[in-house]
Amino acid sequence: MASLPSKIKAHLGREVNFRTEVVLEDIADGKGPFIAQWNAPEPRPSEAELDAAESIADAVDEAQLVLDARKVAYGGIGDQLDMIYWDQVNDTTVWFDHVAKVKADNPK
């Protein structure tokens, strides 16, 4: 199930500033977050419109999970550059193999 911010972004079709455009609150009543303020230029969506955007939001959330997992698995840019350097020195494919494994382990 997609989060409320994801549904809002999917409905609007763009990134949203959740500090100024759309302010969400959660009063810990078990109902979850809700829209406290709507300052975006587009009209405020109804619950039905947000529910209709859920499948798109789910797909975006899943894609973001893959990207986040890849980012962690790739490691730092310094480590990758070091792998590339030593691959050139030693005529190896450590970096290429590493990237291929990350992509295989985390398919889009």
N, C-alpha and C. Protein backbone atom coordinates (compact mmCIF):
# COMPACT_ATOMS: atom_id res chain seq x y z
N MET A 1 0.83 -1.18 0.00
CA MET A 1 0.00 0.00 0.00
C MET A 1 0.88 1.24 0.00
N ALA A 2 0.60 2.12 -0.91
CA ALA A 2 1.41 3.33 -1.07
C ALA A 2 1.18 4.30 0.08
N SER A 3 2.21 5.05 0.39
CA SER A 3 2.11 6.07 1.44
C SER A 3 1.34 7.28 0.89
N LEU A 4 0.84 8.09 1.79
CA LEU A 4 0.11 9.29 1.39
C LEU A 4 1.00 10.23 0.56
N PRO A 5 2.24 10.49 0.96
CA PRO A 5 3.08 11.34 0.11
C PRO A 5 3.26 10.78 -1.30
N SER A 6 3.41 9.47 -1.41
CA SER A 6 3.56 8.86 -2.73
C SER A 6 2.30 9.01 -3.56
N LYS A 7 1.15 8.85 -2.93
CA LYS A 7 -0.11 9.01 -3.67
C LYS A 7 -0.28 10.46 -4.14
N ILE A 8 0.10 11.41 -3.30
CA ILE A 8 -0.01 12.82 -3.68
C ILE A 8 0.90 13.11 -4.87
N LYS A 9 2.15 12.63 -4.80
CA LYS A 9 3.08 12.85 -5.92
C LYS A 9 2.58 12.17 -7.19
N ALA A 10 2.04 10.97 -7.07
CA ALA A 10 1.52 10.26 -8.24
C ALA A 10 0.32 11.00 -8.83
N HIS A 11 -0.54 11.49 -7.99
CA HIS A 11 -1.72 12.23 -8.45
C HIS A 11 -1.31 13.50 -9.20
N LEU A 12 -0.36 14.24 -8.62
CA LEU A 12 0.07 15.49 -9.23
C LEU A 12 1.03 15.28 -10.39
N GLY A 13 1.71 14.14 -10.41
CA GLY A 13 2.65 13.85 -11.48
C GLY A 13 3.94 14.65 -11.38
N ARG A 14 4.30 15.01 -10.18
CA ARG A 14 5.53 15.78 -9.96
C ARG A 14 5.98 15.65 -8.52
N GLU A 15 7.20 16.12 -8.26
CA GLU A 15 7.70 16.17 -6.89
C GLU A 15 6.93 17.26 -6.13
N VAL A 16 6.80 17.08 -4.84
CA VAL A 16 6.04 18.00 -4.01
C VAL A 16 6.89 18.44 -2.83
N ASN A 17 6.83 19.71 -2.49
CA ASN A 17 7.51 20.21 -1.30
C ASN A 17 6.55 20.01 -0.13
N PHE A 18 6.89 19.05 0.73
CA PHE A 18 6.00 18.72 1.85
C PHE A 18 6.21 19.63 3.06
N ARG A 19 7.00 20.67 2.89
CA ARG A 19 7.13 21.68 3.95
C ARG A 19 6.28 22.91 3.65
N THR A 20 6.14 23.21 2.35
CA THR A 20 5.42 24.43 2.00
C THR A 20 4.16 24.19 1.18
N GLU A 21 4.20 23.27 0.22
CA GLU A 21 3.05 23.06 -0.66
C GLU A 21 1.95 22.22 -0.03
N VAL A 22 2.37 21.10 0.55
CA VAL A 22 1.42 20.17 1.16
C VAL A 22 2.00 19.77 2.51
N VAL A 23 1.31 20.14 3.56
CA VAL A 23 1.77 19.83 4.92
C VAL A 23 0.95 18.66 5.44
N LEU A 24 1.65 17.60 5.83
CA LEU A 24 1.00 16.40 6.38
C LEU A 24 1.18 16.38 7.89
N GLU A 25 0.19 15.82 8.57
CA GLU A 25 0.27 15.64 10.02
C GLU A 25 -0.22 14.25 10.37
N ASP A 26 0.25 13.76 11.50
CA ASP A 26 -0.20 12.48 12.03
C ASP A 26 -0.38 12.67 13.53
N ILE A 27 -1.60 12.60 14.01
CA ILE A 27 -1.87 12.86 15.42
C ILE A 27 -1.86 11.57 16.25
N ALA A 28 -1.30 10.52 15.70
CA ALA A 28 -1.13 9.25 16.41
C ALA A 28 -2.44 8.68 16.92
N ASP A 29 -3.50 8.81 16.12
CA ASP A 29 -4.79 8.24 16.50
C ASP A 29 -5.04 6.90 15.82
N GLY A 30 -4.01 6.40 15.13
CA GLY A 30 -4.14 5.12 14.44
C GLY A 30 -4.67 5.24 13.02
N LYS A 31 -5.05 6.42 12.62
CA LYS A 31 -5.58 6.61 11.26
C LYS A 31 -4.50 6.96 10.25
N GLY A 32 -3.31 7.28 10.74
CA GLY A 32 -2.21 7.62 9.84
C GLY A 32 -2.19 9.09 9.49
N PRO A 33 -1.26 9.48 8.61
CA PRO A 33 -1.12 10.89 8.25
C PRO A 33 -2.30 11.40 7.43
N PHE A 34 -2.48 12.69 7.48
CA PHE A 34 -3.54 13.34 6.71
C PHE A 34 -3.02 14.69 6.21
N ILE A 35 -3.72 15.26 5.24
CA ILE A 35 -3.34 16.55 4.69
C ILE A 35 -3.84 17.63 5.64
N ALA A 36 -2.91 18.34 6.27
CA ALA A 36 -3.27 19.41 7.20
C ALA A 36 -3.40 20.75 6.46
N GLN A 37 -2.53 20.96 5.47
CA GLN A 37 -2.58 22.20 4.68
C GLN A 37 -2.32 21.87 3.22
N TRP A 38 -3.07 22.49 2.34
CA TRP A 38 -2.87 22.31 0.90
C TRP A 38 -2.58 23.68 0.30
N ASN A 39 -1.32 23.93 -0.04
CA ASN A 39 -0.91 25.20 -0.62
C ASN A 39 -0.43 25.05 -2.05
N ALA A 40 -0.55 23.86 -2.61
CA ALA A 40 -0.12 23.61 -3.99
C ALA A 40 -1.04 24.35 -4.96
N PRO A 41 -0.52 24.71 -6.14
CA PRO A 41 -1.36 25.43 -7.09
C PRO A 41 -2.50 24.58 -7.67
N GLU A 42 -2.32 23.27 -7.68
CA GLU A 42 -3.36 22.38 -8.19
C GLU A 42 -4.46 22.23 -7.14
N PRO A 43 -5.67 21.90 -7.58
CA PRO A 43 -6.76 21.68 -6.62
C PRO A 43 -6.45 20.48 -5.70
N ARG A 44 -6.91 20.58 -4.47
CA ARG A 44 -6.71 19.49 -3.50
C ARG A 44 -7.47 18.25 -3.98
N PRO A 45 -6.78 17.09 -4.04
CA PRO A 45 -7.45 15.88 -4.51
C PRO A 45 -8.39 15.29 -3.47
N SER A 46 -9.41 14.61 -3.95
CA SER A 46 -10.32 13.91 -3.05
C SER A 46 -9.68 12.57 -2.66
N GLU A 47 -10.26 11.92 -1.67
CA GLU A 47 -9.78 10.59 -1.27
C GLU A 47 -9.86 9.62 -2.45
N ALA A 48 -10.93 9.72 -3.25
CA ALA A 48 -11.10 8.84 -4.42
C ALA A 48 -10.00 9.08 -5.44
N GLU A 49 -9.62 10.34 -5.64
CA GLU A 49 -8.54 10.64 -6.59
C GLU A 49 -7.20 10.11 -6.08
N LEU A 50 -6.97 10.22 -4.78
CA LEU A 50 -5.73 9.68 -4.21
C LEU A 50 -5.72 8.15 -4.29
N ASP A 51 -6.87 7.53 -4.03
CA ASP A 51 -6.95 6.07 -4.14
C ASP A 51 -6.71 5.62 -5.58
N ALA A 52 -7.18 6.40 -6.55
CA ALA A 52 -6.98 6.06 -7.96
C ALA A 52 -5.50 6.14 -8.35
N ALA A 53 -4.73 6.96 -7.65
CA ALA A 53 -3.30 7.10 -7.93
C ALA A 53 -2.45 6.06 -7.22
N GLU A 54 -3.08 5.20 -6.42
CA GLU A 54 -2.31 4.26 -5.59
C GLU A 54 -1.48 3.28 -6.40
N SER A 55 -1.99 2.76 -7.49
CA SER A 55 -1.21 1.77 -8.26
C SER A 55 0.04 2.42 -8.85
N ILE A 56 -0.07 3.66 -9.30
CA ILE A 56 1.10 4.37 -9.80
C ILE A 56 2.07 4.62 -8.66
N ALA A 57 1.55 5.03 -7.52
CA ALA A 57 2.39 5.30 -6.35
C ALA A 57 3.10 4.04 -5.88
N ASP A 58 2.41 2.90 -5.91
CA ASP A 58 3.03 1.63 -5.53
C ASP A 58 4.22 1.32 -6.44
N ALA A 59 4.03 1.52 -7.74
CA ALA A 59 5.11 1.24 -8.70
C ALA A 59 6.29 2.17 -8.47
N VAL A 60 6.03 3.43 -8.18
CA VAL A 60 7.10 4.40 -7.91
C VAL A 60 7.83 4.02 -6.63
N ASP A 61 7.08 3.63 -5.60
CA ASP A 61 7.70 3.22 -4.33
C ASP A 61 8.60 2.00 -4.52
N GLU A 62 8.12 1.03 -5.30
CA GLU A 62 8.92 -0.18 -5.56
C GLU A 62 10.20 0.17 -6.30
N ALA A 63 10.09 1.04 -7.30
CA ALA A 63 11.27 1.45 -8.06
C ALA A 63 12.26 2.18 -7.16
N GLN A 64 11.76 2.99 -6.24
CA GLN A 64 12.64 3.72 -5.33
C GLN A 64 13.35 2.77 -4.38
N LEU A 65 12.67 1.71 -3.94
CA LEU A 65 13.32 0.71 -3.09
C LEU A 65 14.50 0.06 -3.80
N VAL A 66 14.32 -0.24 -5.07
CA VAL A 66 15.40 -0.84 -5.86
C VAL A 66 16.56 0.15 -5.97
N LEU A 67 16.27 1.40 -6.28
CA LEU A 67 17.32 2.40 -6.41
C LEU A 67 18.07 2.60 -5.08
N ASP A 68 17.33 2.62 -3.98
CA ASP A 68 17.97 2.76 -2.67
C ASP A 68 18.87 1.57 -2.35
N ALA A 69 18.40 0.37 -2.66
CA ALA A 69 19.20 -0.83 -2.41
C ALA A 69 20.46 -0.82 -3.27
N ARG A 70 20.32 -0.41 -4.52
CA ARG A 70 21.50 -0.33 -5.40
C ARG A 70 22.51 0.69 -4.88
N LYS A 71 22.01 1.83 -4.45
CA LYS A 71 22.91 2.88 -3.96
C LYS A 71 23.76 2.38 -2.80
N VAL A 72 23.14 1.67 -1.88
CA VAL A 72 23.87 1.11 -0.74
C VAL A 72 24.87 0.05 -1.22
N ALA A 73 24.41 -0.83 -2.09
CA ALA A 73 25.24 -1.95 -2.54
C ALA A 73 26.43 -1.49 -3.39
N TYR A 74 26.27 -0.43 -4.16
CA TYR A 74 27.38 0.07 -4.98
C TYR A 74 28.54 0.54 -4.11
N GLY A 75 28.24 1.09 -2.95
CA GLY A 75 29.29 1.63 -2.10
C GLY A 75 29.63 3.05 -2.52
N GLY A 76 30.60 3.61 -1.87
CA GLY A 76 30.99 5.00 -2.13
C GLY A 76 31.69 5.17 -3.46
N ILE A 77 31.62 6.37 -3.99
CA ILE A 77 32.27 6.66 -5.28
C ILE A 77 33.79 6.49 -5.17
N GLY A 78 34.35 6.82 -4.01
CA GLY A 78 35.79 6.65 -3.83
C GLY A 78 36.19 5.18 -3.93
N ASP A 79 35.39 4.30 -3.33
CA ASP A 79 35.67 2.87 -3.41
C ASP A 79 35.56 2.38 -4.85
N GLN A 80 34.56 2.89 -5.57
CA GLN A 80 34.40 2.46 -6.95
C GLN A 80 35.56 2.95 -7.83
N LEU A 81 35.97 4.20 -7.61
CA LEU A 81 37.11 4.71 -8.39
C LEU A 81 38.37 3.92 -8.08
N ASP A 82 38.53 3.51 -6.82
CA ASP A 82 39.69 2.70 -6.45
C ASP A 82 39.65 1.34 -7.17
N MET A 83 38.44 0.74 -7.24
CA MET A 83 38.30 -0.53 -7.97
C MET A 83 38.68 -0.35 -9.44
N ILE A 84 38.20 0.74 -10.03
CA ILE A 84 38.50 0.99 -11.45
C ILE A 84 40.00 1.18 -11.65
N TYR A 85 40.63 1.94 -10.76
CA TYR A 85 42.07 2.14 -10.86
C TYR A 85 42.82 0.82 -10.81
N TRP A 86 42.49 -0.01 -9.80
CA TRP A 86 43.22 -1.28 -9.65
C TRP A 86 42.87 -2.26 -10.77
N ASP A 87 41.68 -2.16 -11.32
CA ASP A 87 41.36 -2.97 -12.50
C ASP A 87 42.27 -2.59 -13.66
N GLN A 88 42.53 -1.31 -13.83
CA GLN A 88 43.42 -0.87 -14.91
C GLN A 88 44.86 -1.33 -14.66
N VAL A 89 45.29 -1.21 -13.42
CA VAL A 89 46.67 -1.61 -13.07
C VAL A 89 46.85 -3.12 -13.23
N ASN A 90 45.85 -3.90 -12.76
CA ASN A 90 45.99 -5.36 -12.72
C ASN A 90 45.31 -6.08 -13.88
N ASP A 91 44.73 -5.33 -14.78
CA ASP A 91 44.00 -5.91 -15.92
C ASP A 91 42.95 -6.90 -15.43
N THR A 92 42.12 -6.42 -14.48
CA THR A 92 41.04 -7.25 -13.93
C THR A 92 39.69 -6.58 -14.20
N THR A 93 38.62 -7.23 -13.76
CA THR A 93 37.27 -6.70 -13.97
C THR A 93 36.49 -6.66 -12.66
N VAL A 94 37.16 -6.36 -11.56
CA VAL A 94 36.52 -6.35 -10.24
C VAL A 94 35.36 -5.36 -10.21
N TRP A 95 35.60 -4.13 -10.68
CA TRP A 95 34.55 -3.12 -10.65
C TRP A 95 33.37 -3.53 -11.53
N PHE A 96 33.65 -3.95 -12.74
CA PHE A 96 32.58 -4.37 -13.65
C PHE A 96 31.78 -5.52 -13.05
N ASP A 97 32.47 -6.49 -12.47
CA ASP A 97 31.79 -7.63 -11.84
C ASP A 97 30.93 -7.18 -10.66
N HIS A 98 31.46 -6.24 -9.90
CA HIS A 98 30.72 -5.70 -8.74
C HIS A 98 29.42 -5.03 -9.21
N VAL A 99 29.52 -4.17 -10.22
CA VAL A 99 28.34 -3.46 -10.73
C VAL A 99 27.34 -4.45 -11.30
N ALA A 100 27.82 -5.43 -12.04
CA ALA A 100 26.93 -6.43 -12.63
C ALA A 100 26.18 -7.21 -11.54
N LYS A 101 26.87 -7.54 -10.44
CA LYS A 101 26.23 -8.26 -9.34
C LYS A 101 25.17 -7.40 -8.66
N VAL A 102 25.49 -6.13 -8.43
CA VAL A 102 24.51 -5.22 -7.80
C VAL A 102 23.26 -5.14 -8.67
N LYS A 103 23.44 -4.99 -9.97
CA LYS A 103 22.30 -4.91 -10.88
C LYS A 103 21.51 -6.21 -10.91
N ALA A 104 22.20 -7.35 -10.89
CA ALA A 104 21.53 -8.65 -10.90
C ALA A 104 20.77 -8.90 -9.60
N ASP A 105 21.36 -8.47 -8.48
CA ASP A 105 20.74 -8.67 -7.17
C ASP A 105 19.56 -7.72 -6.93
N ASN A 106 19.52 -6.62 -7.68
CA ASN A 106 18.48 -5.60 -7.49
C ASN A 106 17.90 -5.20 -8.84
N PRO A 107 17.18 -6.10 -9.51
CA PRO A 107 16.65 -5.78 -10.84
C PRO A 107 15.58 -4.71 -10.79
N LYS A 108 15.54 -3.89 -11.83
CA LYS A 108 14.50 -2.85 -11.91
C LYS A 108 13.18 -3.47 -12.28
